[in-house]
């Protein structure tokens, strides 16, 4: 697949997953899928990157700015 297609697909997946699957799952999908566009893809590095970016996003957007994002999938919260 072409790199641009993977990046745009990752953004589309994030948009579709955010309300249904929550911020953590949507960000993880965004980072892993967009990382596939790199020729030097490493699952270990992408997972570490995802973990750091998810924690930073939670601290900045949910705690700091107090934005109302669903954090976890709806079926896990109920």
PDB file of N, CA and C in Angstrom:
ATOM      1  N   UNK A   1       0.830  -1.189   0.000  1.00  0.00           N
ATOM      2  CA  UNK A   1       0.000   0.000   0.000  1.00  0.00           C
ATOM      3  C   UNK A   1       0.867   1.243   0.000  1.00  0.00           C
ATOM      4  N   UNK A   2       0.361   2.282  -0.588  1.00  0.00           N
ATOM      5  CA  UNK A   2       1.102   3.540  -0.622  1.00  0.00           C
ATOM      6  C   UNK A   2       1.045   4.201   0.754  1.00  0.00           C
ATOM      7  N   UNK A   3       2.132   4.877   1.127  1.00  0.00           N
ATOM      8  CA  UNK A   3       2.174   5.516   2.453  1.00  0.00           C
ATOM      9  C   UNK A   3       1.047   6.524   2.689  1.00  0.00           C
ATOM     10  N   UNK A   4       0.713   7.308   1.675  1.00  0.00           N
ATOM     11  CA  UNK A   4      -0.341   8.314   1.854  1.00  0.00           C
ATOM     12  C   UNK A   4      -1.690   7.648   2.129  1.00  0.00           C
ATOM     13  N   UNK A   5      -1.937   6.522   1.490  1.00  0.00           N
ATOM     14  CA  UNK A   5      -3.185   5.793   1.717  1.00  0.00           C
ATOM     15  C   UNK A   5      -3.256   5.287   3.157  1.00  0.00           C
ATOM     16  N   UNK A   6      -2.145   4.791   3.668  1.00  0.00           N
ATOM     17  CA  UNK A   6      -2.129   4.315   5.051  1.00  0.00           C
ATOM     18  C   UNK A   6      -2.360   5.447   6.046  1.00  0.00           C
ATOM     19  N   UNK A   7      -1.748   6.585   5.815  1.00  0.00           N
ATOM     20  CA  UNK A   7      -1.908   7.717   6.729  1.00  0.00           C
ATOM     21  C   UNK A   7      -3.348   8.231   6.696  1.00  0.00           C
ATOM     22  N   UNK A   8      -3.902   8.379   5.503  1.00  0.00           N
ATOM     23  CA  UNK A   8      -5.291   8.833   5.403  1.00  0.00           C
ATOM     24  C   UNK A   8      -6.259   7.794   5.977  1.00  0.00           C
ATOM     25  N   UNK A   9      -5.963   6.523   5.770  1.00  0.00           N
ATOM     26  CA  UNK A   9      -6.781   5.469   6.366  1.00  0.00           C
ATOM     27  C   UNK A   9      -6.714   5.484   7.879  1.00  0.00           C
ATOM     28  N   UNK A  10      -5.532   5.787   8.423  1.00  0.00           N
ATOM     29  CA  UNK A  10      -5.373   5.876   9.875  1.00  0.00           C
ATOM     30  C   UNK A  10      -6.196   7.021  10.448  1.00  0.00           C
ATOM     31  N   UNK A  11      -6.211   8.142   9.749  1.00  0.00           N
ATOM     32  CA  UNK A  11      -7.008   9.288  10.202  1.00  0.00           C
ATOM     33  C   UNK A  11      -8.494   8.970  10.139  1.00  0.00           C
ATOM     34  N   UNK A  12      -8.906   8.307   9.060  1.00  0.00           N
ATOM     35  CA  UNK A  12     -10.316   7.916   8.934  1.00  0.00           C
ATOM     36  C   UNK A  12     -10.701   6.918  10.026  1.00  0.00           C
ATOM     37  N   UNK A  13      -9.815   5.972  10.318  1.00  0.00           N
ATOM     38  CA  UNK A  13     -10.083   4.995  11.376  1.00  0.00           C
ATOM     39  C   UNK A  13     -10.206   5.689  12.727  1.00  0.00           C
ATOM     40  N   UNK A  14      -9.351   6.676  12.984  1.00  0.00           N
ATOM     41  CA  UNK A  14      -9.424   7.430  14.229  1.00  0.00           C
ATOM     42  C   UNK A  14     -10.778   8.132  14.351  1.00  0.00           C
ATOM     43  N   UNK A  15     -11.198   8.773  13.271  1.00  0.00           N
ATOM     44  CA  UNK A  15     -12.476   9.495  13.289  1.00  0.00           C
ATOM     45  C   UNK A  15     -13.648   8.557  13.535  1.00  0.00           C
ATOM     46  N   UNK A  16     -13.601   7.379  12.940  1.00  0.00           N
ATOM     47  CA  UNK A  16     -14.694   6.417  13.117  1.00  0.00           C
ATOM     48  C   UNK A  16     -14.668   5.741  14.483  1.00  0.00           C
ATOM     49  N   UNK A  17     -13.489   5.526  15.021  1.00  0.00           N
ATOM     50  CA  UNK A  17     -13.356   4.798  16.281  1.00  0.00           C
ATOM     51  C   UNK A  17     -13.513   5.666  17.525  1.00  0.00           C
ATOM     52  N   UNK A  18     -13.309   6.962  17.417  1.00  0.00           N
ATOM     53  CA  UNK A  18     -13.248   7.807  18.609  1.00  0.00           C
ATOM     54  C   UNK A  18     -14.497   7.705  19.479  1.00  0.00           C
ATOM     55  N   UNK A  19     -15.671   7.866  18.918  1.00  0.00           N
ATOM     56  CA  UNK A  19     -16.889   7.816  19.740  1.00  0.00           C
ATOM     57  C   UNK A  19     -17.270   6.398  20.127  1.00  0.00           C
ATOM     58  N   UNK A  20     -17.008   5.432  19.274  1.00  0.00           N
ATOM     59  CA  UNK A  20     -17.430   4.061  19.548  1.00  0.00           C
ATOM     60  C   UNK A  20     -16.445   3.301  20.433  1.00  0.00           C
ATOM     61  N   UNK A  21     -15.159   3.432  20.150  1.00  0.00           N
ATOM     62  CA  UNK A  21     -14.157   2.626  20.847  1.00  0.00           C
ATOM     63  C   UNK A  21     -13.389   3.403  21.910  1.00  0.00           C
ATOM     64  N   UNK A  22     -13.538   4.704  21.947  1.00  0.00           N
ATOM     65  CA  UNK A  22     -12.848   5.492  22.954  1.00  0.00           C
ATOM     66  C   UNK A  22     -11.503   6.021  22.472  1.00  0.00           C
ATOM     67  N   UNK A  23     -10.988   6.968  23.222  1.00  0.00           N
ATOM     68  CA  UNK A  23      -9.764   7.668  22.840  1.00  0.00           C
ATOM     69  C   UNK A  23      -8.556   6.746  22.810  1.00  0.00           C
ATOM     70  N   UNK A  24      -8.435   5.858  23.766  1.00  0.00           N
ATOM     71  CA  UNK A  24      -7.251   5.004  23.848  1.00  0.00           C
ATOM     72  C   UNK A  24      -7.163   4.072  22.648  1.00  0.00           C
ATOM     73  N   UNK A  25      -8.239   3.401  22.322  1.00  0.00           N
ATOM     74  CA  UNK A  25      -8.241   2.472  21.185  1.00  0.00           C
ATOM     75  C   UNK A  25      -8.065   3.229  19.873  1.00  0.00           C
ATOM     76  N   UNK A  26      -8.725   4.373  19.735  1.00  0.00           N
ATOM     77  CA  UNK A  26      -8.632   5.158  18.505  1.00  0.00           C
ATOM     78  C   UNK A  26      -7.211   5.677  18.282  1.00  0.00           C
ATOM     79  N   UNK A  27      -6.576   6.164  19.342  1.00  0.00           N
ATOM     80  CA  UNK A  27      -5.199   6.635  19.212  1.00  0.00           C
ATOM     81  C   UNK A  27      -4.241   5.492  18.904  1.00  0.00           C
ATOM     82  N   UNK A  28      -4.447   4.355  19.542  1.00  0.00           N
ATOM     83  CA  UNK A  28      -3.582   3.209  19.284  1.00  0.00           C
ATOM     84  C   UNK A  28      -3.687   2.788  17.817  1.00  0.00           C
ATOM     85  N   UNK A  29      -4.904   2.721  17.296  1.00  0.00           N
ATOM     86  CA  UNK A  29      -5.101   2.360  15.889  1.00  0.00           C
ATOM     87  C   UNK A  29      -4.465   3.400  14.970  1.00  0.00           C
ATOM     88  N   UNK A  30      -4.646   4.670  15.279  1.00  0.00           N
ATOM     89  CA  UNK A  30      -4.070   5.744  14.479  1.00  0.00           C
ATOM     90  C   UNK A  30      -2.553   5.619  14.392  1.00  0.00           C
ATOM     91  N   UNK A  31      -1.919   5.405  15.511  1.00  0.00           N
ATOM     92  CA  UNK A  31      -0.457   5.375  15.547  1.00  0.00           C
ATOM     93  C   UNK A  31       0.092   4.126  14.874  1.00  0.00           C
ATOM     94  N   UNK A  32      -0.501   2.975  15.138  1.00  0.00           N
ATOM     95  CA  UNK A  32       0.004   1.735  14.544  1.00  0.00           C
ATOM     96  C   UNK A  32      -0.207   1.729  13.037  1.00  0.00           C
ATOM     97  N   UNK A  33      -1.388   2.099  12.573  1.00  0.00           N
ATOM     98  CA  UNK A  33      -1.655   2.075  11.132  1.00  0.00           C
ATOM     99  C   UNK A  33      -0.803   3.112  10.398  1.00  0.00           C
ATOM    100  N   UNK A  34      -0.672   4.299  10.950  1.00  0.00           N
ATOM    101  CA  UNK A  34       0.156   5.299  10.278  1.00  0.00           C
ATOM    102  C   UNK A  34       1.639   4.927  10.335  1.00  0.00           C
ATOM    103  N   UNK A  35       2.055   4.181  11.339  1.00  0.00           N
ATOM    104  CA  UNK A  35       3.445   3.719  11.406  1.00  0.00           C
ATOM    105  C   UNK A  35       3.760   2.695  10.321  1.00  0.00           C
ATOM    106  N   UNK A  36       2.743   2.003   9.836  1.00  0.00           N
ATOM    107  CA  UNK A  36       2.950   1.038   8.760  1.00  0.00           C
ATOM    108  C   UNK A  36       3.409   1.712   7.464  1.00  0.00           C
ATOM    109  N   UNK A  37       3.216   3.021   7.345  1.00  0.00           N
ATOM    110  CA  UNK A  37       3.633   3.739   6.146  1.00  0.00           C
ATOM    111  C   UNK A  37       5.154   3.861   6.054  1.00  0.00           C
ATOM    112  N   UNK A  38       5.845   3.692   7.164  1.00  0.00           N
ATOM    113  CA  UNK A  38       7.301   3.788   7.181  1.00  0.00           C
ATOM    114  C   UNK A  38       7.920   2.476   6.716  1.00  0.00           C
ATOM    115  N   UNK A  39       8.961   2.567   5.918  1.00  0.00           N
ATOM    116  CA  UNK A  39       9.631   1.359   5.437  1.00  0.00           C
ATOM    117  C   UNK A  39      10.380   0.646   6.550  1.00  0.00           C
ATOM    118  N   UNK A  40      10.767   1.369   7.572  1.00  0.00           N
ATOM    119  CA  UNK A  40      11.500   0.784   8.699  1.00  0.00           C
ATOM    120  C   UNK A  40      10.561   0.520   9.877  1.00  0.00           C
ATOM    121  N   UNK A  41       9.364   0.013   9.614  1.00  0.00           N
ATOM    122  CA  UNK A  41       8.349  -0.225  10.642  1.00  0.00           C
ATOM    123  C   UNK A  41       8.844  -1.240  11.666  1.00  0.00           C
ATOM    124  N   UNK A  42       8.643  -0.911  12.933  1.00  0.00           N
ATOM    125  CA  UNK A  42       8.957  -1.805  14.034  1.00  0.00           C
ATOM    126  C   UNK A  42       7.766  -1.790  14.995  1.00  0.00           C
ATOM    127  N   UNK A  43       7.170  -2.953  15.210  1.00  0.00           N
ATOM    128  CA  UNK A  43       5.999  -3.019  16.086  1.00  0.00           C
ATOM    129  C   UNK A  43       6.354  -2.606  17.507  1.00  0.00           C
ATOM    130  N   UNK A  44       7.521  -2.972  17.963  1.00  0.00           N
ATOM    131  CA  UNK A  44       7.948  -2.631  19.323  1.00  0.00           C
ATOM    132  C   UNK A  44       8.060  -1.115  19.485  1.00  0.00           C
ATOM    133  N   UNK A  45       8.723  -0.456  18.541  1.00  0.00           N
ATOM    134  CA  UNK A  45       8.871   0.993  18.614  1.00  0.00           C
ATOM    135  C   UNK A  45       7.532   1.701  18.467  1.00  0.00           C
ATOM    136  N   UNK A  46       6.684   1.196  17.598  1.00  0.00           N
ATOM    137  CA  UNK A  46       5.373   1.809  17.400  1.00  0.00           C
ATOM    138  C   UNK A  46       4.503   1.660  18.638  1.00  0.00           C
ATOM    139  N   UNK A  47       4.592   0.536  19.317  1.00  0.00           N
ATOM    140  CA  UNK A  47       3.812   0.318  20.533  1.00  0.00           C
ATOM    141  C   UNK A  47       4.293   1.241  21.661  1.00  0.00           C
ATOM    142  N   UNK A  48       5.605   1.392  21.782  1.00  0.00           N
ATOM    143  CA  UNK A  48       6.147   2.314  22.790  1.00  0.00           C
ATOM    144  C   UNK A  48       5.731   3.744  22.466  1.00  0.00           C
ATOM    145  N   UNK A  49       5.831   4.106  21.202  1.00  0.00           N
ATOM    146  CA  UNK A  49       5.403   5.434  20.758  1.00  0.00           C
ATOM    147  C   UNK A  49       3.924   5.656  21.064  1.00  0.00           C
ATOM    148  N   UNK A  50       3.103   4.654  20.788  1.00  0.00           N
ATOM    149  CA  UNK A  50       1.669   4.752  21.051  1.00  0.00           C
ATOM    150  C   UNK A  50       1.402   4.946  22.542  1.00  0.00           C
ATOM    151  N   UNK A  51       2.090   4.198  23.376  1.00  0.00           N
ATOM    152  CA  UNK A  51       1.877   4.300  24.820  1.00  0.00           C
ATOM    153  C   UNK A  51       2.220   5.703  25.329  1.00  0.00           C
ATOM    154  N   UNK A  52       3.339   6.237  24.878  1.00  0.00           N
ATOM    155  CA  UNK A  52       3.755   7.573  25.312  1.00  0.00           C
ATOM    156  C   UNK A  52       2.768   8.632  24.819  1.00  0.00           C
ATOM    157  N   UNK A  53       2.358   8.531  23.556  1.00  0.00           N
ATOM    158  CA  UNK A  53       1.431   9.518  23.004  1.00  0.00           C
ATOM    159  C   UNK A  53       0.037   9.419  23.618  1.00  0.00           C
ATOM    160  N   UNK A  54      -0.397   8.217  23.966  1.00  0.00           N
ATOM    161  CA  UNK A  54      -1.700   8.054  24.616  1.00  0.00           C
ATOM    162  C   UNK A  54      -1.686   8.690  26.003  1.00  0.00           C
ATOM    163  N   UNK A  55      -0.635   8.442  26.763  1.00  0.00           N
ATOM    164  CA  UNK A  55      -0.531   9.050  28.095  1.00  0.00           C
ATOM    165  C   UNK A  55      -0.476  10.576  27.987  1.00  0.00           C
ATOM    166  N   UNK A  56       0.307  11.074  27.043  1.00  0.00           N
ATOM    167  CA  UNK A  56       0.405  12.528  26.851  1.00  0.00           C
ATOM    168  C   UNK A  56      -0.947  13.112  26.443  1.00  0.00           C
ATOM    169  N   UNK A  57      -1.668  12.434  25.568  1.00  0.00           N
ATOM    170  CA  UNK A  57      -2.986  12.918  25.130  1.00  0.00           C
ATOM    171  C   UNK A  57      -3.989  12.914  26.273  1.00  0.00           C
ATOM    172  N   UNK A  58      -3.955  11.866  27.089  1.00  0.00           N
ATOM    173  CA  UNK A  58      -4.861  11.809  28.235  1.00  0.00           C
ATOM    174  C   UNK A  58      -4.576  12.941  29.216  1.00  0.00           C
ATOM    175  N   UNK A  59      -3.299  13.170  29.493  1.00  0.00           N
ATOM    176  CA  UNK A  59      -2.941  14.233  30.418  1.00  0.00           C
ATOM    177  C   UNK A  59      -3.290  15.614  29.862  1.00  0.00           C
ATOM    178  N   UNK A  60      -3.015  15.829  28.588  1.00  0.00           N
ATOM    179  CA  UNK A  60      -3.237  17.148  27.997  1.00  0.00           C
ATOM    180  C   UNK A  60      -4.713  17.427  27.738  1.00  0.00           C
ATOM    181  N   UNK A  61      -5.386  16.522  27.038  1.00  0.00           N
ATOM    182  CA  UNK A  61      -6.750  16.813  26.602  1.00  0.00           C
ATOM    183  C   UNK A  61      -7.806  16.489  27.658  1.00  0.00           C
ATOM    184  N   UNK A  62      -7.646  15.372  28.345  1.00  0.00           N
ATOM    185  CA  UNK A  62      -8.679  14.967  29.301  1.00  0.00           C
ATOM    186  C   UNK A  62      -8.465  15.639  30.653  1.00  0.00           C
ATOM    187  N   UNK A  63      -7.244  15.595  31.171  1.00  0.00           N
ATOM    188  CA  UNK A  63      -6.977  16.217  32.481  1.00  0.00           C
ATOM    189  C   UNK A  63      -6.775  17.724  32.377  1.00  0.00           C
ATOM    190  N   UNK A  64      -5.884  18.128  31.464  1.00  0.00           N
ATOM    191  CA  UNK A  64      -5.528  19.543  31.371  1.00  0.00           C
ATOM    192  C   UNK A  64      -6.645  20.418  30.827  1.00  0.00           C
ATOM    193  N   UNK A  65      -7.161  20.076  29.664  1.00  0.00           N
ATOM    194  CA  UNK A  65      -8.200  20.887  29.030  1.00  0.00           C
ATOM    195  C   UNK A  65      -9.608  20.454  29.400  1.00  0.00           C
ATOM    196  N   UNK A  66      -9.737  19.328  30.075  1.00  0.00           N
ATOM    197  CA  UNK A  66     -11.015  18.763  30.519  1.00  0.00           C
ATOM    198  C   UNK A  66     -12.007  18.589  29.367  1.00  0.00           C
ATOM    199  N   UNK A  67     -11.506  18.088  28.237  1.00  0.00           N
ATOM    200  CA  UNK A  67     -12.380  17.788  27.101  1.00  0.00           C
ATOM    201  C   UNK A  67     -13.131  16.493  27.372  1.00  0.00           C
ATOM    202  N   UNK A  68     -14.334  16.416  26.889  1.00  0.00           N
ATOM    203  CA  UNK A  68     -15.213  15.282  27.168  1.00  0.00           C
ATOM    204  C   UNK A  68     -15.086  14.213  26.081  1.00  0.00           C
ATOM    205  N   UNK A  69     -14.006  13.451  26.107  1.00  0.00           N
ATOM    206  CA  UNK A  69     -13.818  12.327  25.195  1.00  0.00           C
ATOM    207  C   UNK A  69     -14.166  11.042  25.924  1.00  0.00           C
ATOM    208  N   UNK A  70     -14.781  10.085  25.231  1.00  0.00           N
ATOM    209  CA  UNK A  70     -14.897   8.762  25.843  1.00  0.00           C
ATOM    210  C   UNK A  70     -13.502   8.132  25.884  1.00  0.00           C
ATOM    211  N   UNK A  71     -13.077   7.704  27.043  1.00  0.00           N
ATOM    212  CA  UNK A  71     -11.729   7.166  27.204  1.00  0.00           C
ATOM    213  C   UNK A  71     -11.671   5.708  26.771  1.00  0.00           C
ATOM    214  N   UNK A  72     -12.608   4.915  27.213  1.00  0.00           N
ATOM    215  CA  UNK A  72     -12.664   3.479  26.932  1.00  0.00           C
ATOM    216  C   UNK A  72     -13.867   3.168  26.048  1.00  0.00           C
ATOM    217  N   UNK A  73     -13.863   2.019  25.417  1.00  0.00           N
ATOM    218  CA  UNK A  73     -15.048   1.607  24.633  1.00  0.00           C
ATOM    219  C   UNK A  73     -16.287   1.578  25.508  1.00  0.00           C
ATOM    220  N   UNK A  74     -17.422   1.894  24.912  1.00  0.00           N
ATOM    221  CA  UNK A  74     -18.684   1.975  25.663  1.00  0.00           C
ATOM    222  C   UNK A  74     -19.056   0.653  26.293  1.00  0.00           C
ATOM    223  N   UNK A  75     -18.771  -0.466  25.635  1.00  0.00           N
ATOM    224  CA  UNK A  75     -19.148  -1.761  26.187  1.00  0.00           C
ATOM    225  C   UNK A  75     -18.307  -2.161  27.398  1.00  0.00           C
ATOM    226  N   UNK A  76     -17.144  -1.548  27.602  1.00  0.00           N
ATOM    227  CA  UNK A  76     -16.322  -1.826  28.783  1.00  0.00           C
ATOM    228  C   UNK A  76     -16.751  -0.980  29.981  1.00  0.00           C
ATOM    229  N   UNK A  77     -17.310   0.182  29.729  1.00  0.00           N
ATOM    230  CA  UNK A  77     -17.680   1.105  30.794  1.00  0.00           C
ATOM    231  C   UNK A  77     -18.979   0.682  31.457  1.00  0.00           C
ATOM    232  N   UNK A  78     -19.891   0.133  30.687  1.00  0.00           N
ATOM    233  CA  UNK A  78     -21.209  -0.225  31.236  1.00  0.00           C
ATOM    234  C   UNK A  78     -21.151  -1.420  32.074  1.00  0.00           C
TER     235      UNK A  78
END
